[in-house]
Amino acid sequence: MTEKEMLKVSIEEFSRLQNYMLVSDKESESYKRMKDRYIELKVFLQISGVNLTELDKIKE
């Protein structure tokens, strides 16, 4: 997988994950696990130079 392909997949996962988080109860175990993945993806994308200003719907 090329770097561009990896970034594309990560951006898609980040977007999908945020949509699930927005409709989930913030106190649920599922939300807490999704938030862990959200943070991992956010860090990876930021390190990769992706501007998350428009992509980040959660803003946590």
N, C-alpha and C. Protein backbone atom coordinates (compact mmCIF):
# COMPACT_ATOMS: atom_id res chain seq x y z
N MET A 1 0.86 -1.18 0.00
CA MET A 1 0.00 0.00 0.00
C MET A 1 0.90 1.24 0.00
N THR A 2 0.62 2.15 -0.89
CA THR A 2 1.42 3.38 -0.95
C THR A 2 1.00 4.33 0.17
N GLU A 3 1.83 5.34 0.39
CA GLU A 3 1.53 6.33 1.42
C GLU A 3 0.21 7.05 1.12
N LYS A 4 -0.01 7.38 -0.14
CA LYS A 4 -1.26 8.07 -0.51
C LYS A 4 -2.46 7.18 -0.27
N GLU A 5 -2.35 5.91 -0.58
CA GLU A 5 -3.45 4.98 -0.35
C GLU A 5 -3.73 4.84 1.15
N MET A 6 -2.67 4.78 1.95
CA MET A 6 -2.82 4.67 3.40
C MET A 6 -3.51 5.92 3.96
N LEU A 7 -3.13 7.09 3.47
CA LEU A 7 -3.77 8.33 3.92
C LEU A 7 -5.24 8.35 3.52
N LYS A 8 -5.53 7.92 2.31
CA LYS A 8 -6.92 7.89 1.84
C LYS A 8 -7.77 6.99 2.73
N VAL A 9 -7.28 5.80 3.02
CA VAL A 9 -8.01 4.84 3.86
C VAL A 9 -8.18 5.42 5.27
N SER A 10 -7.15 6.04 5.80
CA SER A 10 -7.22 6.61 7.15
C SER A 10 -8.21 7.77 7.22
N ILE A 11 -8.23 8.61 6.20
CA ILE A 11 -9.19 9.72 6.16
C ILE A 11 -10.62 9.18 6.08
N GLU A 12 -10.82 8.18 5.28
CA GLU A 12 -12.16 7.57 5.17
C GLU A 12 -12.58 6.96 6.50
N GLU A 13 -11.67 6.25 7.17
CA GLU A 13 -11.99 5.66 8.46
C GLU A 13 -12.27 6.74 9.50
N PHE A 14 -11.47 7.80 9.49
CA PHE A 14 -11.66 8.92 10.42
C PHE A 14 -13.05 9.53 10.25
N SER A 15 -13.45 9.74 9.02
CA SER A 15 -14.76 10.33 8.74
C SER A 15 -15.89 9.40 9.18
N ARG A 16 -15.78 8.13 8.84
CA ARG A 16 -16.80 7.14 9.20
C ARG A 16 -16.91 7.02 10.72
N LEU A 17 -15.78 6.95 11.38
CA LEU A 17 -15.75 6.83 12.84
C LEU A 17 -16.42 8.02 13.51
N GLN A 18 -16.16 9.20 13.02
CA GLN A 18 -16.79 10.39 13.60
C GLN A 18 -18.31 10.35 13.45
N ASN A 19 -18.78 9.88 12.31
CA ASN A 19 -20.23 9.76 12.10
C ASN A 19 -20.85 8.82 13.12
N TYR A 20 -20.18 7.70 13.40
CA TYR A 20 -20.67 6.76 14.42
C TYR A 20 -20.63 7.41 15.81
N MET A 21 -19.57 8.15 16.09
CA MET A 21 -19.45 8.79 17.40
C MET A 21 -20.54 9.83 17.62
N LEU A 22 -20.89 10.55 16.58
CA LEU A 22 -21.89 11.61 16.71
C LEU A 22 -23.29 11.07 17.05
N VAL A 23 -23.56 9.82 16.72
CA VAL A 23 -24.88 9.25 17.01
C VAL A 23 -24.85 8.30 18.19
N SER A 24 -23.71 8.20 18.87
CA SER A 24 -23.57 7.29 20.01
C SER A 24 -23.65 8.04 21.32
N ASP A 25 -24.05 7.31 22.34
CA ASP A 25 -24.09 7.85 23.70
C ASP A 25 -22.65 8.00 24.21
N LYS A 26 -22.29 9.19 24.61
CA LYS A 26 -20.91 9.47 25.02
C LYS A 26 -20.48 8.69 26.26
N GLU A 27 -21.43 8.15 27.00
CA GLU A 27 -21.11 7.39 28.20
C GLU A 27 -20.98 5.90 27.93
N SER A 28 -21.28 5.48 26.72
CA SER A 28 -21.24 4.05 26.40
C SER A 28 -19.81 3.55 26.24
N GLU A 29 -19.66 2.25 26.46
CA GLU A 29 -18.35 1.62 26.28
C GLU A 29 -17.92 1.71 24.82
N SER A 30 -18.87 1.58 23.92
CA SER A 30 -18.57 1.67 22.48
C SER A 30 -17.98 3.03 22.13
N TYR A 31 -18.58 4.08 22.64
CA TYR A 31 -18.09 5.43 22.37
C TYR A 31 -16.66 5.59 22.88
N LYS A 32 -16.40 5.09 24.07
CA LYS A 32 -15.07 5.21 24.66
C LYS A 32 -14.03 4.50 23.79
N ARG A 33 -14.37 3.35 23.25
CA ARG A 33 -13.44 2.62 22.38
C ARG A 33 -13.28 3.35 21.05
N MET A 34 -14.38 3.90 20.53
CA MET A 34 -14.29 4.66 19.29
C MET A 34 -13.41 5.89 19.49
N LYS A 35 -13.52 6.52 20.67
CA LYS A 35 -12.72 7.71 20.93
C LYS A 35 -11.23 7.38 20.95
N ASP A 36 -10.87 6.22 21.48
CA ASP A 36 -9.46 5.79 21.45
C ASP A 36 -8.97 5.72 20.01
N ARG A 37 -9.77 5.10 19.13
CA ARG A 37 -9.38 4.98 17.72
C ARG A 37 -9.36 6.36 17.06
N TYR A 38 -10.32 7.20 17.41
CA TYR A 38 -10.39 8.57 16.89
C TYR A 38 -9.08 9.31 17.19
N ILE A 39 -8.60 9.19 18.41
CA ILE A 39 -7.36 9.87 18.81
C ILE A 39 -6.18 9.31 18.03
N GLU A 40 -6.12 7.98 17.89
CA GLU A 40 -5.03 7.37 17.12
C GLU A 40 -5.02 7.88 15.69
N LEU A 41 -6.18 7.88 15.05
CA LEU A 41 -6.26 8.34 13.67
C LEU A 41 -5.93 9.82 13.55
N LYS A 42 -6.41 10.60 14.49
CA LYS A 42 -6.16 12.04 14.46
C LYS A 42 -4.67 12.33 14.56
N VAL A 43 -3.99 11.65 15.45
CA VAL A 43 -2.54 11.83 15.60
C VAL A 43 -1.83 11.42 14.32
N PHE A 44 -2.18 10.25 13.77
CA PHE A 44 -1.55 9.78 12.54
C PHE A 44 -1.75 10.78 11.40
N LEU A 45 -2.97 11.27 11.25
CA LEU A 45 -3.25 12.20 10.16
C LEU A 45 -2.52 13.53 10.35
N GLN A 46 -2.45 14.01 11.57
CA GLN A 46 -1.74 15.26 11.84
C GLN A 46 -0.25 15.10 11.56
N ILE A 47 0.33 13.99 12.00
CA ILE A 47 1.75 13.73 11.73
C ILE A 47 2.01 13.64 10.23
N SER A 48 1.02 13.13 9.50
CA SER A 48 1.14 12.97 8.04
C SER A 48 0.91 14.27 7.29
N GLY A 49 0.58 15.34 8.02
CA GLY A 49 0.41 16.64 7.40
C GLY A 49 -0.99 16.94 6.89
N VAL A 50 -1.96 16.11 7.28
CA VAL A 50 -3.34 16.35 6.84
C VAL A 50 -3.95 17.46 7.69
N ASN A 51 -4.53 18.46 7.04
CA ASN A 51 -5.21 19.54 7.74
C ASN A 51 -6.59 19.04 8.16
N LEU A 52 -6.80 18.91 9.46
CA LEU A 52 -8.05 18.35 9.97
C LEU A 52 -9.12 19.42 10.25
N THR A 53 -8.84 20.66 9.95
CA THR A 53 -9.77 21.74 10.25
C THR A 53 -11.17 21.45 9.71
N GLU A 54 -11.27 21.04 8.47
CA GLU A 54 -12.57 20.77 7.86
C GLU A 54 -13.06 19.35 8.14
N LEU A 55 -12.16 18.42 8.39
CA LEU A 55 -12.54 17.02 8.55
C LEU A 55 -13.00 16.67 9.97
N ASP A 56 -12.50 17.38 10.96
CA ASP A 56 -12.76 17.02 12.35
C ASP A 56 -14.11 17.56 12.81
N LYS A 57 -15.08 16.65 12.92
CA LYS A 57 -16.43 17.03 13.34
C LYS A 57 -16.58 16.98 14.86
N ILE A 58 -15.74 16.20 15.52
CA ILE A 58 -15.85 15.99 16.96
C ILE A 58 -15.21 17.14 17.74
N LYS A 59 -14.06 17.61 17.31
CA LYS A 59 -13.33 18.74 17.90
C LYS A 59 -12.99 18.52 19.37
N GLU A 60 -12.59 17.30 19.72
CA GLU A 60 -12.19 17.02 21.11
C GLU A 60 -10.70 16.94 21.21
